[in-house]
N, C-alpha and C. Protein backbone atom coordinates (compact mmCIF):
# COMPACT_ATOMS: atom_id res chain seq x y z
N MET A 1 -12.75 16.27 16.54
CA MET A 1 -12.90 14.83 16.43
C MET A 1 -12.08 14.12 17.50
N ALA A 2 -10.90 14.65 17.85
CA ALA A 2 -10.05 14.02 18.85
C ALA A 2 -10.75 13.94 20.19
N GLY A 3 -11.58 14.94 20.55
CA GLY A 3 -12.30 14.94 21.81
C GLY A 3 -13.30 13.81 21.89
N LEU A 4 -13.99 13.52 20.79
CA LEU A 4 -14.98 12.44 20.77
C LEU A 4 -14.31 11.07 20.89
N GLU A 5 -13.13 10.92 20.31
CA GLU A 5 -12.41 9.65 20.40
C GLU A 5 -12.04 9.33 21.84
N ARG A 6 -11.78 10.36 22.66
CA ARG A 6 -11.42 10.13 24.06
C ARG A 6 -12.57 9.53 24.85
N LEU A 7 -13.79 9.74 24.40
CA LEU A 7 -14.95 9.18 25.10
C LEU A 7 -14.96 7.66 25.04
N ASP A 8 -14.30 7.08 24.05
CA ASP A 8 -14.19 5.62 23.94
C ASP A 8 -13.11 5.06 24.86
N ASP A 9 -12.26 5.93 25.37
CA ASP A 9 -11.16 5.51 26.25
C ASP A 9 -11.71 5.26 27.65
N GLU A 10 -11.59 4.03 28.14
CA GLU A 10 -12.12 3.68 29.47
C GLU A 10 -11.41 4.43 30.59
N ASP A 11 -10.22 4.95 30.33
CA ASP A 11 -9.45 5.64 31.36
C ASP A 11 -9.53 7.16 31.27
N PHE A 12 -10.29 7.67 30.31
CA PHE A 12 -10.43 9.12 30.19
C PHE A 12 -11.39 9.64 31.26
N PRO A 13 -10.94 10.59 32.10
CA PRO A 13 -11.77 11.09 33.20
C PRO A 13 -12.84 12.07 32.68
N SER A 14 -14.00 11.54 32.31
CA SER A 14 -15.03 12.37 31.67
C SER A 14 -16.25 12.63 32.55
N VAL A 15 -16.29 12.02 33.74
CA VAL A 15 -17.50 12.11 34.57
C VAL A 15 -17.20 12.86 35.86
N SER A 16 -18.02 13.88 36.14
CA SER A 16 -17.84 14.65 37.38
C SER A 16 -18.29 13.80 38.57
N MET A 17 -17.94 14.24 39.79
CA MET A 17 -18.32 13.50 40.98
C MET A 17 -19.83 13.41 41.11
N GLY A 18 -20.54 14.49 40.86
CA GLY A 18 -22.00 14.49 40.97
C GLY A 18 -22.62 13.49 39.98
N GLN A 19 -22.11 13.49 38.74
CA GLN A 19 -22.61 12.55 37.74
C GLN A 19 -22.30 11.11 38.15
N ALA A 20 -21.06 10.90 38.66
CA ALA A 20 -20.66 9.56 39.08
C ALA A 20 -21.55 9.06 40.20
N ALA A 21 -21.81 9.90 41.20
CA ALA A 21 -22.68 9.51 42.33
C ALA A 21 -24.08 9.16 41.83
N GLU A 22 -24.57 9.96 40.89
CA GLU A 22 -25.91 9.70 40.35
C GLU A 22 -25.93 8.38 39.57
N LEU A 23 -24.91 8.14 38.72
CA LEU A 23 -24.85 6.91 37.93
C LEU A 23 -24.77 5.67 38.82
N LEU A 24 -24.02 5.79 39.92
CA LEU A 24 -23.81 4.65 40.81
C LEU A 24 -24.91 4.51 41.87
N GLY A 25 -25.72 5.55 42.03
CA GLY A 25 -26.76 5.52 43.04
C GLY A 25 -26.19 5.62 44.46
N VAL A 26 -25.15 6.42 44.61
CA VAL A 26 -24.51 6.62 45.92
C VAL A 26 -24.44 8.11 46.22
N GLN A 27 -24.04 8.42 47.43
CA GLN A 27 -23.81 9.82 47.81
C GLN A 27 -22.39 10.22 47.42
N PRO A 28 -22.15 11.50 47.09
CA PRO A 28 -20.79 11.95 46.80
C PRO A 28 -19.84 11.65 47.96
N ALA A 29 -20.35 11.62 49.17
CA ALA A 29 -19.50 11.33 50.33
C ALA A 29 -18.88 9.93 50.21
N PHE A 30 -19.60 8.98 49.62
CA PHE A 30 -19.07 7.62 49.42
C PHE A 30 -17.85 7.67 48.50
N LEU A 31 -17.95 8.42 47.42
CA LEU A 31 -16.82 8.54 46.48
C LEU A 31 -15.64 9.25 47.14
N ARG A 32 -15.93 10.29 47.96
CA ARG A 32 -14.85 10.97 48.68
C ARG A 32 -14.16 10.02 49.65
N SER A 33 -14.95 9.13 50.30
CA SER A 33 -14.36 8.19 51.27
C SER A 33 -13.45 7.18 50.55
N LEU A 34 -13.81 6.78 49.33
CA LEU A 34 -12.96 5.87 48.56
C LEU A 34 -11.64 6.56 48.20
N ASP A 35 -11.72 7.85 47.88
CA ASP A 35 -10.52 8.63 47.56
C ASP A 35 -9.66 8.76 48.81
N THR A 36 -10.26 9.08 49.95
CA THR A 36 -9.53 9.26 51.21
C THR A 36 -8.87 7.94 51.63
N ALA A 37 -9.56 6.82 51.44
CA ALA A 37 -9.01 5.51 51.82
C ALA A 37 -7.95 5.03 50.82
N GLY A 38 -7.78 5.73 49.72
CA GLY A 38 -6.77 5.35 48.72
C GLY A 38 -7.22 4.20 47.84
N VAL A 39 -8.50 3.90 47.89
CA VAL A 39 -9.04 2.80 47.08
C VAL A 39 -9.25 3.25 45.64
N LEU A 40 -9.63 4.47 45.45
CA LEU A 40 -9.93 5.00 44.13
C LEU A 40 -9.38 6.43 44.05
N GLN A 41 -8.48 6.68 43.13
CA GLN A 41 -7.90 8.02 43.00
C GLN A 41 -8.40 8.66 41.70
N PRO A 42 -9.41 9.48 41.80
CA PRO A 42 -9.92 10.15 40.60
C PRO A 42 -8.94 11.22 40.11
N HIS A 43 -9.12 11.57 38.87
CA HIS A 43 -8.32 12.65 38.28
C HIS A 43 -8.81 13.97 38.89
N ARG A 44 -7.88 14.90 39.10
CA ARG A 44 -8.27 16.23 39.63
C ARG A 44 -8.11 17.26 38.52
N THR A 45 -9.11 18.10 38.38
CA THR A 45 -9.04 19.19 37.41
C THR A 45 -8.13 20.28 37.98
N GLY A 46 -7.87 21.31 37.18
CA GLY A 46 -7.06 22.43 37.66
C GLY A 46 -7.68 23.10 38.87
N GLY A 47 -8.99 23.07 38.98
CA GLY A 47 -9.69 23.66 40.12
C GLY A 47 -9.84 22.70 41.29
N GLY A 48 -9.31 21.47 41.20
CA GLY A 48 -9.36 20.50 42.28
C GLY A 48 -10.60 19.61 42.27
N HIS A 49 -11.43 19.69 41.26
CA HIS A 49 -12.63 18.87 41.19
C HIS A 49 -12.28 17.45 40.74
N ARG A 50 -12.99 16.48 41.33
CA ARG A 50 -12.74 15.08 41.00
C ARG A 50 -13.44 14.74 39.67
N ARG A 51 -12.71 13.98 38.83
CA ARG A 51 -13.27 13.49 37.56
C ARG A 51 -12.98 11.98 37.50
N TYR A 52 -13.97 11.21 37.07
CA TYR A 52 -13.86 9.76 37.07
C TYR A 52 -13.91 9.20 35.64
N SER A 53 -13.17 8.14 35.44
CA SER A 53 -13.21 7.43 34.16
C SER A 53 -14.23 6.30 34.25
N ARG A 54 -14.57 5.73 33.12
CA ARG A 54 -15.50 4.60 33.12
C ARG A 54 -14.92 3.42 33.90
N ARG A 55 -13.62 3.21 33.80
CA ARG A 55 -12.98 2.12 34.54
C ARG A 55 -13.11 2.37 36.05
N GLN A 56 -12.92 3.61 36.49
CA GLN A 56 -13.05 3.93 37.91
C GLN A 56 -14.50 3.78 38.39
N LEU A 57 -15.45 4.12 37.55
CA LEU A 57 -16.86 3.94 37.91
C LEU A 57 -17.16 2.45 38.11
N ALA A 58 -16.65 1.61 37.23
CA ALA A 58 -16.87 0.17 37.37
C ALA A 58 -16.22 -0.34 38.66
N GLN A 59 -15.03 0.20 38.98
CA GLN A 59 -14.34 -0.21 40.22
C GLN A 59 -15.14 0.26 41.45
N ALA A 60 -15.65 1.47 41.42
CA ALA A 60 -16.44 1.98 42.53
C ALA A 60 -17.71 1.15 42.72
N GLN A 61 -18.33 0.76 41.61
CA GLN A 61 -19.54 -0.06 41.70
C GLN A 61 -19.20 -1.42 42.32
N ARG A 62 -18.07 -2.01 41.93
CA ARG A 62 -17.67 -3.30 42.48
C ARG A 62 -17.40 -3.18 43.98
N ILE A 63 -16.73 -2.12 44.38
CA ILE A 63 -16.47 -1.90 45.81
C ILE A 63 -17.80 -1.76 46.56
N ARG A 64 -18.74 -1.04 45.97
CA ARG A 64 -20.05 -0.86 46.61
C ARG A 64 -20.72 -2.23 46.81
N GLU A 65 -20.65 -3.09 45.79
CA GLU A 65 -21.23 -4.44 45.89
C GLU A 65 -20.58 -5.23 47.03
N LEU A 66 -19.26 -5.13 47.14
CA LEU A 66 -18.54 -5.86 48.19
C LEU A 66 -18.89 -5.33 49.58
N LEU A 67 -19.01 -4.00 49.67
CA LEU A 67 -19.40 -3.40 50.97
C LEU A 67 -20.82 -3.83 51.34
N ASP A 68 -21.70 -3.85 50.36
CA ASP A 68 -23.08 -4.29 50.61
C ASP A 68 -23.13 -5.76 51.00
N ALA A 69 -22.13 -6.55 50.54
CA ALA A 69 -22.08 -7.97 50.88
C ALA A 69 -21.46 -8.21 52.26
N GLY A 70 -21.06 -7.12 52.93
CA GLY A 70 -20.56 -7.26 54.29
C GLY A 70 -19.05 -7.17 54.44
N HIS A 71 -18.33 -6.90 53.35
CA HIS A 71 -16.87 -6.76 53.44
C HIS A 71 -16.52 -5.38 53.97
N SER A 72 -15.36 -5.33 54.63
CA SER A 72 -14.86 -4.03 55.07
C SER A 72 -14.23 -3.33 53.86
N ILE A 73 -13.98 -2.05 53.99
CA ILE A 73 -13.35 -1.31 52.89
C ILE A 73 -11.98 -1.88 52.57
N SER A 74 -11.27 -2.31 53.63
CA SER A 74 -9.94 -2.89 53.44
C SER A 74 -10.01 -4.20 52.65
N SER A 75 -10.93 -5.07 53.03
CA SER A 75 -11.04 -6.35 52.31
C SER A 75 -11.59 -6.11 50.91
N ALA A 76 -12.50 -5.16 50.74
CA ALA A 76 -13.03 -4.83 49.41
C ALA A 76 -11.89 -4.34 48.51
N ARG A 77 -11.02 -3.51 49.09
CA ARG A 77 -9.86 -3.00 48.33
C ARG A 77 -8.98 -4.17 47.90
N THR A 78 -8.71 -5.11 48.83
CA THR A 78 -7.87 -6.27 48.52
C THR A 78 -8.52 -7.13 47.44
N ILE A 79 -9.83 -7.36 47.58
CA ILE A 79 -10.54 -8.17 46.58
C ILE A 79 -10.46 -7.51 45.21
N VAL A 80 -10.69 -6.20 45.16
CA VAL A 80 -10.64 -5.48 43.87
C VAL A 80 -9.24 -5.57 43.27
N GLU A 81 -8.22 -5.42 44.10
CA GLU A 81 -6.84 -5.51 43.61
C GLU A 81 -6.55 -6.91 43.08
N LEU A 82 -7.00 -7.94 43.81
CA LEU A 82 -6.79 -9.31 43.36
C LEU A 82 -7.55 -9.58 42.05
N GLU A 83 -8.78 -9.04 41.97
CA GLU A 83 -9.54 -9.19 40.73
C GLU A 83 -8.82 -8.52 39.56
N LYS A 84 -8.21 -7.36 39.83
CA LYS A 84 -7.43 -6.67 38.78
C LYS A 84 -6.25 -7.53 38.35
N GLN A 85 -5.56 -8.14 39.34
CA GLN A 85 -4.41 -8.99 39.02
C GLN A 85 -4.84 -10.20 38.20
N VAL A 86 -5.98 -10.79 38.59
CA VAL A 86 -6.49 -11.94 37.84
C VAL A 86 -6.84 -11.51 36.41
N ALA A 87 -7.51 -10.36 36.29
CA ALA A 87 -7.87 -9.86 34.96
C ALA A 87 -6.62 -9.59 34.13
N THR A 88 -5.61 -9.00 34.77
CA THR A 88 -4.35 -8.73 34.08
C THR A 88 -3.68 -10.04 33.67
N SER A 89 -3.70 -10.99 34.58
CA SER A 89 -3.11 -12.30 34.29
C SER A 89 -3.87 -13.00 33.16
N ASP A 90 -5.21 -12.93 33.23
CA ASP A 90 -6.02 -13.53 32.16
C ASP A 90 -5.74 -12.87 30.82
N ALA A 91 -5.63 -11.56 30.84
CA ALA A 91 -5.34 -10.83 29.59
C ALA A 91 -3.96 -11.22 29.06
N ALA A 92 -2.99 -11.34 29.97
CA ALA A 92 -1.64 -11.75 29.56
C ALA A 92 -1.67 -13.17 29.00
N ARG A 93 -2.45 -14.04 29.66
CA ARG A 93 -2.57 -15.42 29.17
C ARG A 93 -3.21 -15.44 27.79
N ARG A 94 -4.26 -14.64 27.60
CA ARG A 94 -4.91 -14.58 26.29
C ARG A 94 -3.94 -14.05 25.23
N ARG A 95 -3.17 -13.03 25.60
CA ARG A 95 -2.17 -12.51 24.64
C ARG A 95 -1.13 -13.57 24.33
N ALA A 96 -0.70 -14.31 25.37
CA ALA A 96 0.28 -15.38 25.15
C ALA A 96 -0.32 -16.48 24.27
N ASP A 97 -1.58 -16.83 24.54
CA ASP A 97 -2.26 -17.84 23.71
C ASP A 97 -2.37 -17.35 22.27
N ASP A 98 -2.75 -16.08 22.12
CA ASP A 98 -2.86 -15.51 20.77
C ASP A 98 -1.50 -15.51 20.08
N ALA A 99 -0.47 -15.13 20.84
CA ALA A 99 0.88 -15.12 20.26
C ALA A 99 1.32 -16.53 19.88
N ARG A 100 1.00 -17.51 20.74
CA ARG A 100 1.34 -18.90 20.44
C ARG A 100 0.60 -19.36 19.19
N ASP A 101 -0.70 -19.04 19.12
CA ASP A 101 -1.49 -19.43 17.95
C ASP A 101 -0.95 -18.76 16.69
N GLN A 102 -0.58 -17.49 16.81
CA GLN A 102 -0.01 -16.79 15.65
C GLN A 102 1.32 -17.42 15.26
N ALA A 103 2.13 -17.78 16.26
CA ALA A 103 3.42 -18.43 15.98
C ALA A 103 3.19 -19.76 15.26
N ARG A 104 2.16 -20.50 15.68
CA ARG A 104 1.84 -21.76 15.00
C ARG A 104 1.41 -21.51 13.56
N ARG A 105 0.57 -20.50 13.38
CA ARG A 105 0.14 -20.17 12.01
C ARG A 105 1.33 -19.74 11.17
N ASP A 106 2.21 -18.92 11.77
CA ASP A 106 3.41 -18.48 11.05
C ASP A 106 4.31 -19.66 10.71
N ARG A 107 4.44 -20.60 11.69
CA ARG A 107 5.26 -21.79 11.45
C ARG A 107 4.66 -22.62 10.32
N ASP A 108 3.35 -22.84 10.37
CA ASP A 108 2.69 -23.62 9.32
C ASP A 108 2.85 -22.95 7.96
N HIS A 109 2.71 -21.63 7.95
CA HIS A 109 2.90 -20.89 6.69
C HIS A 109 4.35 -21.04 6.21
N ALA A 110 5.29 -20.96 7.14
CA ALA A 110 6.71 -21.10 6.78
C ALA A 110 6.98 -22.50 6.22
N ILE A 111 6.33 -23.52 6.80
CA ILE A 111 6.51 -24.89 6.29
C ILE A 111 5.98 -25.00 4.87
N VAL A 112 4.81 -24.41 4.64
CA VAL A 112 4.24 -24.43 3.29
C VAL A 112 5.19 -23.70 2.32
N GLU A 113 5.66 -22.54 2.75
CA GLU A 113 6.60 -21.77 1.90
C GLU A 113 7.88 -22.55 1.65
N ARG A 114 8.39 -23.22 2.71
CA ARG A 114 9.61 -24.02 2.56
C ARG A 114 9.38 -25.15 1.56
N ASP A 115 8.24 -25.84 1.70
CA ASP A 115 7.94 -26.94 0.78
C ASP A 115 7.78 -26.42 -0.65
N HIS A 116 7.15 -25.26 -0.77
CA HIS A 116 6.98 -24.66 -2.11
C HIS A 116 8.36 -24.32 -2.68
N ALA A 117 9.22 -23.73 -1.85
CA ALA A 117 10.56 -23.38 -2.31
C ALA A 117 11.35 -24.63 -2.70
N ALA A 118 11.20 -25.70 -1.92
CA ALA A 118 11.90 -26.95 -2.24
C ALA A 118 11.40 -27.51 -3.57
N ALA A 119 10.10 -27.46 -3.80
CA ALA A 119 9.55 -27.93 -5.07
C ALA A 119 10.07 -27.08 -6.23
N GLU A 120 10.10 -25.77 -6.02
CA GLU A 120 10.64 -24.87 -7.05
C GLU A 120 12.12 -25.16 -7.30
N ARG A 121 12.86 -25.39 -6.22
CA ARG A 121 14.28 -25.72 -6.37
C ARG A 121 14.44 -27.02 -7.15
N ASP A 122 13.61 -28.03 -6.83
CA ASP A 122 13.69 -29.30 -7.55
C ASP A 122 13.37 -29.12 -9.03
N ARG A 123 12.33 -28.29 -9.31
CA ARG A 123 12.00 -28.02 -10.72
C ARG A 123 13.16 -27.30 -11.41
N ALA A 124 13.74 -26.33 -10.73
CA ALA A 124 14.86 -25.59 -11.31
C ALA A 124 16.05 -26.51 -11.54
N THR A 125 16.29 -27.43 -10.60
CA THR A 125 17.39 -28.39 -10.75
C THR A 125 17.14 -29.28 -11.95
N GLU A 126 15.90 -29.74 -12.14
CA GLU A 126 15.57 -30.60 -13.29
C GLU A 126 15.74 -29.82 -14.60
N VAL A 127 15.30 -28.56 -14.60
CA VAL A 127 15.48 -27.73 -15.80
C VAL A 127 16.97 -27.56 -16.09
N GLN A 128 17.74 -27.32 -15.03
CA GLN A 128 19.19 -27.16 -15.21
C GLN A 128 19.80 -28.44 -15.77
N ARG A 129 19.38 -29.59 -15.26
CA ARG A 129 19.90 -30.87 -15.76
C ARG A 129 19.54 -31.04 -17.23
N GLN A 130 18.30 -30.68 -17.58
CA GLN A 130 17.86 -30.79 -18.98
C GLN A 130 18.71 -29.88 -19.87
N VAL A 131 18.97 -28.67 -19.39
CA VAL A 131 19.79 -27.72 -20.15
C VAL A 131 21.19 -28.29 -20.33
N VAL A 132 21.75 -28.89 -19.28
CA VAL A 132 23.10 -29.48 -19.36
C VAL A 132 23.09 -30.63 -20.36
N ARG A 133 22.04 -31.48 -20.32
CA ARG A 133 21.95 -32.59 -21.28
C ARG A 133 21.87 -32.05 -22.71
N GLU A 134 21.04 -31.04 -22.90
CA GLU A 134 20.90 -30.46 -24.24
C GLU A 134 22.21 -29.81 -24.69
N ARG A 135 22.91 -29.14 -23.76
CA ARG A 135 24.20 -28.54 -24.09
C ARG A 135 25.21 -29.61 -24.48
N ASP A 136 25.24 -30.69 -23.69
CA ASP A 136 26.18 -31.77 -23.98
C ASP A 136 25.87 -32.42 -25.33
N THR A 137 24.57 -32.59 -25.62
CA THR A 137 24.16 -33.16 -26.91
C THR A 137 24.59 -32.21 -28.04
N ALA A 138 24.37 -30.90 -27.83
CA ALA A 138 24.76 -29.92 -28.85
C ALA A 138 26.27 -29.92 -29.05
N ARG A 139 27.03 -30.05 -27.97
CA ARG A 139 28.50 -30.11 -28.10
C ARG A 139 28.92 -31.36 -28.86
N SER A 140 28.28 -32.47 -28.54
CA SER A 140 28.60 -33.73 -29.22
C SER A 140 28.29 -33.61 -30.70
N ASP A 141 27.10 -33.04 -31.03
CA ASP A 141 26.74 -32.83 -32.43
C ASP A 141 27.75 -31.91 -33.11
N LEU A 142 28.17 -30.88 -32.41
CA LEU A 142 29.13 -29.94 -32.97
C LEU A 142 30.46 -30.63 -33.25
N ARG A 143 30.90 -31.48 -32.30
CA ARG A 143 32.16 -32.21 -32.52
C ARG A 143 32.04 -33.14 -33.73
N GLU A 144 30.90 -33.85 -33.83
CA GLU A 144 30.70 -34.76 -34.96
C GLU A 144 30.70 -33.98 -36.27
N ARG A 145 30.00 -32.86 -36.29
CA ARG A 145 29.94 -32.06 -37.53
C ARG A 145 31.29 -31.44 -37.85
N THR A 146 32.02 -31.04 -36.79
CA THR A 146 33.37 -30.50 -37.01
C THR A 146 34.27 -31.57 -37.59
N ASP A 147 34.19 -32.79 -37.02
CA ASP A 147 34.99 -33.91 -37.54
C ASP A 147 34.59 -34.22 -38.98
N GLN A 148 33.26 -34.23 -39.26
CA GLN A 148 32.78 -34.51 -40.60
C GLN A 148 33.25 -33.42 -41.56
N LEU A 149 33.20 -32.16 -41.11
CA LEU A 149 33.66 -31.05 -41.94
C LEU A 149 35.15 -31.17 -42.23
N GLN A 150 35.94 -31.58 -41.22
CA GLN A 150 37.38 -31.75 -41.42
C GLN A 150 37.66 -32.89 -42.40
N ARG A 151 36.87 -33.98 -42.28
CA ARG A 151 37.04 -35.10 -43.23
C ARG A 151 36.69 -34.65 -44.65
N THR A 152 35.57 -33.91 -44.76
CA THR A 152 35.15 -33.42 -46.07
C THR A 152 36.19 -32.45 -46.63
N GLN A 153 36.74 -31.59 -45.75
CA GLN A 153 37.78 -30.65 -46.18
C GLN A 153 39.02 -31.42 -46.66
N HIS A 154 39.36 -32.47 -45.95
CA HIS A 154 40.52 -33.30 -46.32
C HIS A 154 40.26 -33.98 -47.67
N GLU A 155 39.01 -34.50 -47.84
CA GLU A 155 38.66 -35.13 -49.12
C GLU A 155 38.72 -34.11 -50.25
N LEU A 156 38.24 -32.87 -49.98
CA LEU A 156 38.31 -31.82 -51.00
C LEU A 156 39.75 -31.48 -51.35
N ASP A 157 40.59 -31.39 -50.27
CA ASP A 157 42.02 -31.09 -50.52
C ASP A 157 42.64 -32.20 -51.36
N GLN A 158 42.30 -33.47 -51.08
CA GLN A 158 42.84 -34.58 -51.86
C GLN A 158 42.33 -34.51 -53.30
N ALA A 159 41.03 -34.19 -53.45
CA ALA A 159 40.47 -34.10 -54.80
C ALA A 159 41.15 -32.98 -55.58
N ARG A 160 41.43 -31.83 -54.92
CA ARG A 160 42.12 -30.72 -55.57
C ARG A 160 43.53 -31.14 -56.00
N ASP A 161 44.18 -31.87 -55.06
CA ASP A 161 45.54 -32.34 -55.38
C ASP A 161 45.51 -33.28 -56.59
N GLU A 162 44.51 -34.16 -56.64
CA GLU A 162 44.38 -35.10 -57.77
C GLU A 162 44.10 -34.33 -59.06
N ILE A 163 43.22 -33.31 -58.96
CA ILE A 163 42.90 -32.50 -60.15
C ILE A 163 44.15 -31.79 -60.62
N ASN A 164 44.89 -31.21 -59.67
CA ASN A 164 46.13 -30.51 -60.04
C ASN A 164 47.12 -31.48 -60.66
N ALA A 165 47.21 -32.69 -60.08
CA ALA A 165 48.14 -33.68 -60.62
C ALA A 165 47.71 -34.10 -62.03
N LEU A 166 46.39 -34.29 -62.22
CA LEU A 166 45.88 -34.66 -63.55
C LEU A 166 46.10 -33.53 -64.56
N GLN A 167 45.89 -32.31 -64.13
CA GLN A 167 46.13 -31.18 -65.04
C GLN A 167 47.61 -31.10 -65.41
N HIS A 168 48.43 -31.33 -64.42
CA HIS A 168 49.88 -31.29 -64.67
C HIS A 168 50.25 -32.41 -65.65
N GLU A 169 49.69 -33.59 -65.40
CA GLU A 169 49.98 -34.74 -66.28
C GLU A 169 49.45 -34.47 -67.69
N LEU A 170 48.27 -33.86 -67.77
CA LEU A 170 47.70 -33.52 -69.06
C LEU A 170 48.58 -32.49 -69.78
N GLY A 171 49.09 -31.58 -68.96
CA GLY A 171 49.98 -30.58 -69.55
C GLY A 171 51.23 -31.22 -70.12
N HIS A 172 51.78 -32.25 -69.45
CA HIS A 172 52.97 -32.95 -69.94
C HIS A 172 52.62 -33.80 -71.14
N LEU A 173 51.44 -34.39 -71.11
CA LEU A 173 51.01 -35.21 -72.24
C LEU A 173 50.80 -34.32 -73.47
N GLY A 174 50.28 -33.17 -73.29
CA GLY A 174 50.04 -32.27 -74.40
C GLY A 174 51.35 -31.80 -75.00
N ALA A 175 52.33 -31.60 -74.15
CA ALA A 175 53.63 -31.16 -74.66
C ALA A 175 54.31 -32.31 -75.36
N ALA A 176 54.13 -33.51 -74.89
CA ALA A 176 54.75 -34.68 -75.51
C ALA A 176 54.01 -35.05 -76.78
N ASP A 177 52.83 -34.64 -76.98
CA ASP A 177 52.00 -34.98 -78.12
C ASP A 177 52.29 -34.03 -79.28
N GLY A 178 53.25 -33.33 -79.23
CA GLY A 178 53.63 -32.47 -80.33
C GLY A 178 52.97 -31.13 -80.25
N GLY A 179 52.56 -30.78 -79.14
CA GLY A 179 52.02 -29.47 -78.94
C GLY A 179 50.55 -29.35 -79.29
N ARG A 180 49.95 -30.48 -79.60
CA ARG A 180 48.53 -30.40 -79.87
C ARG A 180 47.82 -30.07 -78.56
N ALA A 181 46.95 -29.22 -78.67
CA ALA A 181 46.26 -28.80 -77.46
C ALA A 181 45.14 -29.76 -77.11
N LEU A 182 45.17 -30.18 -75.91
CA LEU A 182 44.11 -31.02 -75.40
C LEU A 182 43.15 -30.13 -74.63
N THR A 183 41.93 -30.32 -74.87
CA THR A 183 40.96 -29.54 -74.11
C THR A 183 40.21 -30.46 -73.16
N VAL A 184 40.00 -29.98 -72.02
CA VAL A 184 39.30 -30.76 -71.00
C VAL A 184 38.03 -29.99 -70.68
N ASP A 185 36.92 -30.70 -70.76
CA ASP A 185 35.66 -30.08 -70.39
C ASP A 185 35.60 -29.97 -68.87
N ARG A 186 35.30 -28.87 -68.48
CA ARG A 186 35.21 -28.70 -67.04
C ARG A 186 33.79 -28.73 -66.61
């Protein structure tokens, strides 16, 4: 499977010189002259045979068009190099544009996330304030009930003291009454 994937690679040298000449409609001598002039450097096999990639075939075809239009090999080489630079520059510009657009999308997403986080923070702050209000109300209620309980406890203590005093007084009255027993319904 790895071998078939290489066929999609524009730089994989998969075409022999004879096949390249046939595809381009030129003589093999034309391709050799491009190699000799340093315009096109094909891959060499272990046996020294030239192999061309799809990208090199497109470059050879462009050079052929320029030569047919009356350019010298030197000017054709310069034109092809400049076209490569323009293509590289265009590709870099497209990548920069894509990166800028992605950065804008990322920024917009970050703004949405920031606004969402701020809204969540505001909701959490309101919940916290409500909890504090409820806690303060509960503390206030607890203080009031504690105070009420202390007042009730004090009233109970006073009532006990009065009962004890009355029982004591009844006990003295009973002794002063000649020992007759007084009964108190409880």
